[in-house]
C-alpha atoms as a PDB file:
ATOM      1  CA  MET A   1    -110.299  57.664 177.548  1.00  0.00           C
ATOM      2  CA  ALA A   2    -111.510  58.561 180.806  1.00  0.00           C
ATOM      3  CA  THR A   3    -115.171  59.006 181.897  1.00  0.00           C
ATOM      4  CA  LYS A   4    -116.827  61.024 185.096  1.00  0.00           C
ATOM      5  CA  LYS A   5    -119.240  59.202 187.129  1.00  0.00           C
ATOM      6  CA  ASN A   6    -122.450  60.883 185.949  1.00  0.00           C
ATOM      7  CA  GLU A   7    -121.419  60.187 182.243  1.00  0.00           C
ATOM      8  CA  ILE A   8    -123.235  56.977 180.724  1.00  0.00           C
ATOM      9  CA  ALA A   9    -121.806  55.327 177.922  1.00  0.00           C
ATOM     10  CA  ILE A  10    -123.872  54.050 175.132  1.00  0.00           C
ATOM     11  CA  LYS A  11    -122.992  50.692 174.493  1.00  0.00           C
ATOM     12  CA  THR A  12    -124.332  48.651 171.476  1.00  0.00           C
ATOM     13  CA  GLU A  13    -124.372  44.746 171.324  1.00  0.00           C
ATOM     14  CA  VAL A  14    -123.310  43.394 167.898  1.00  0.00           C
ATOM     15  CA  ARG A  15    -123.122  39.982 166.697  1.00  0.00           C
ATOM     16  CA  ILE A  16    -121.662  39.204 163.347  1.00  0.00           C
ATOM     17  CA  ALA A  17    -122.650  35.486 162.120  1.00  0.00           C
ATOM     18  CA  VAL A  18    -119.753  34.747 159.497  1.00  0.00           C
ATOM     19  CA  ILE A  19    -120.305  32.221 156.354  1.00  0.00           C
ATOM     20  CA  ARG A  20    -118.684  28.992 157.348  1.00  0.00           C
ATOM     21  CA  VAL A  21    -117.459  29.855 160.586  1.00  0.00           C
ATOM     22  CA  ALA A  22    -119.337  27.751 163.673  1.00  0.00           C
ATOM     23  CA  SER A  23    -119.161  30.757 165.966  1.00  0.00           C
ATOM     24  CA  ASP A  24    -120.770  34.456 165.522  1.00  0.00           C
ATOM     25  CA  ILE A  25    -118.557  37.408 166.721  1.00  0.00           C
ATOM     26  CA  VAL A  26    -120.131  39.124 169.356  1.00  0.00           C
ATOM     27  CA  PHE A  27    -118.667  42.536 170.967  1.00  0.00           C
ATOM     28  CA  GLU A  28    -120.024  45.441 172.554  1.00  0.00           C
ATOM     29  CA  SER A  29    -119.003  48.779 170.846  1.00  0.00           C
ATOM     30  CA  ALA A  30    -119.334  52.509 171.723  1.00  0.00           C
ATOM     31  CA  MET A  31    -120.710  53.514 168.445  1.00  0.00           C
ATOM     32  CA  SER A  32    -124.646  53.861 168.131  1.00  0.00           C
ATOM     33  CA  ALA A  33    -126.746  51.669 166.302  1.00  0.00           C
ATOM     34  CA  ILE A  34    -127.321  53.933 163.381  1.00  0.00           C
ATOM     35  CA  ASP A  35    -123.487  54.500 162.640  1.00  0.00           C
ATOM     36  CA  ILE A  36    -122.905  50.113 163.178  1.00  0.00           C
ATOM     37  CA  LYS A  37    -126.091  49.992 160.287  1.00  0.00           C
ATOM     38  CA  SER A  38    -124.395  52.585 158.051  1.00  0.00           C
ATOM     39  CA  ALA A  39    -121.093  50.610 158.132  1.00  0.00           C
ATOM     40  CA  VAL A  40    -122.884  47.668 157.234  1.00  0.00           C
ATOM     41  CA  THR A  41    -124.660  49.062 154.748  1.00  0.00           C
ATOM     42  CA  GLU A  42    -121.593  50.581 153.240  1.00  0.00           C
ATOM     43  CA  ALA A  43    -119.426  47.586 153.125  1.00  0.00           C
ATOM     44  CA  LEU A  44    -121.965  45.250 151.622  1.00  0.00           C
ATOM     45  CA  ALA A  45    -122.666  47.924 148.915  1.00  0.00           C
ATOM     46  CA  GLY A  46    -119.245  48.891 147.957  1.00  0.00           C
ATOM     47  CA  SER A  47    -117.889  44.920 148.572  1.00  0.00           C
ATOM     48  CA  LYS A  48    -115.441  46.583 150.999  1.00  0.00           C
ATOM     49  CA  PRO A  49    -114.606  44.782 154.491  1.00  0.00           C
ATOM     50  CA  LEU A  50    -116.586  45.749 157.599  1.00  0.00           C
ATOM     51  CA  ILE A  51    -114.715  47.663 159.991  1.00  0.00           C
ATOM     52  CA  LEU A  52    -115.918  48.186 163.507  1.00  0.00           C
ATOM     53  CA  THR A  53    -113.987  49.263 166.748  1.00  0.00           C
ATOM     54  CA  ASP A  54    -115.380  47.360 170.318  1.00  0.00           C
ATOM     55  CA  VAL A  55    -115.400  49.095 173.492  1.00  0.00           C
ATOM     56  CA  ARG A  56    -111.514  48.262 174.073  1.00  0.00           C
ATOM     57  CA  GLY A  57    -110.531  49.947 170.990  1.00  0.00           C
ATOM     58  CA  HIS A  58    -110.007  46.916 169.147  1.00  0.00           C
ATOM     59  CA  GLU A  59    -110.410  46.896 165.479  1.00  0.00           C
ATOM     60  CA  ILE A  60    -113.112  43.878 164.142  1.00  0.00           C
ATOM     61  CA  ILE A  61    -112.429  43.251 160.482  1.00  0.00           C
ATOM     62  CA  VAL A  62    -114.827  40.624 158.568  1.00  0.00           C
ATOM     63  CA  PRO A  63    -114.537  40.554 154.678  1.00  0.00           C
ATOM     64  CA  ALA A  64    -117.955  41.722 153.153  1.00  0.00           C
ATOM     65  CA  ASP A  65    -118.251  38.497 151.372  1.00  0.00           C
ATOM     66  CA  LYS A  66    -118.290  36.585 154.436  1.00  0.00           C
ATOM     67  CA  ILE A  67    -121.056  38.307 156.376  1.00  0.00           C
ATOM     68  CA  GLY A  68    -124.197  35.810 157.168  1.00  0.00           C
ATOM     69  CA  PHE A  69    -126.071  38.348 159.192  1.00  0.00           C
ATOM     70  CA  VAL A  70    -125.316  41.217 161.573  1.00  0.00           C
ATOM     71  CA  GLU A  71    -127.423  41.538 164.783  1.00  0.00           C
ATOM     72  CA  VAL A  72    -127.511  45.073 166.543  1.00  0.00           C
ATOM     73  CA  GLY A  73    -129.015  45.692 169.479  1.00  0.00           C
ATOM     74  CA  GLU A  74    -128.983  47.613 172.961  1.00  0.00           C
ATOM     75  CA  SER A  75    -126.483  45.992 175.153  1.00  0.00           C
ATOM     76  CA  GLY A  76    -128.387  44.853 178.662  1.00  0.00           C
ATOM     77  CA  SER A  77    -127.078  44.038 181.783  1.00  0.00           C
ATOM     78  CA  ARG A  78    -125.909  40.721 182.510  1.00  0.00           C
ATOM     79  CA  ARG A  79    -126.786  38.924 185.681  1.00  0.00           C
ATOM     80  CA  VAL A  80    -125.195  36.369 187.113  1.00  0.00           C
ATOM     81  CA  GLY A  81    -126.223  33.818 189.575  1.00  0.00           C
ATOM     82  CA  PHE A  82    -129.197  32.109 190.694  1.00  0.00           C
ATOM     83  CA  GLY A  83    -132.530  33.373 190.267  1.00  0.00           C
ATOM     84  CA  ALA A  84    -131.174  35.750 187.283  1.00  0.00           C
ATOM     85  CA  ALA A  85    -133.881  34.813 185.321  1.00  0.00           C
END
């Protein structure tokens, strides 16, 4: 999907902690924070797997009973190099 230069793509950063797994799942999604929250709520209420899509179109599927927490926030610009603090 091509985007125009003047279009601003909304990216939401998502972090999912999975029970009994050392590292978290971190990715950017084109979904809005409200859509992600409703998908998480629906998955937890219905004991269905949580299915989200990242910005590249990959699906992330996590069983609802294995979710430790889900953190949703705006994707910030990543600064690289010295003095990036």
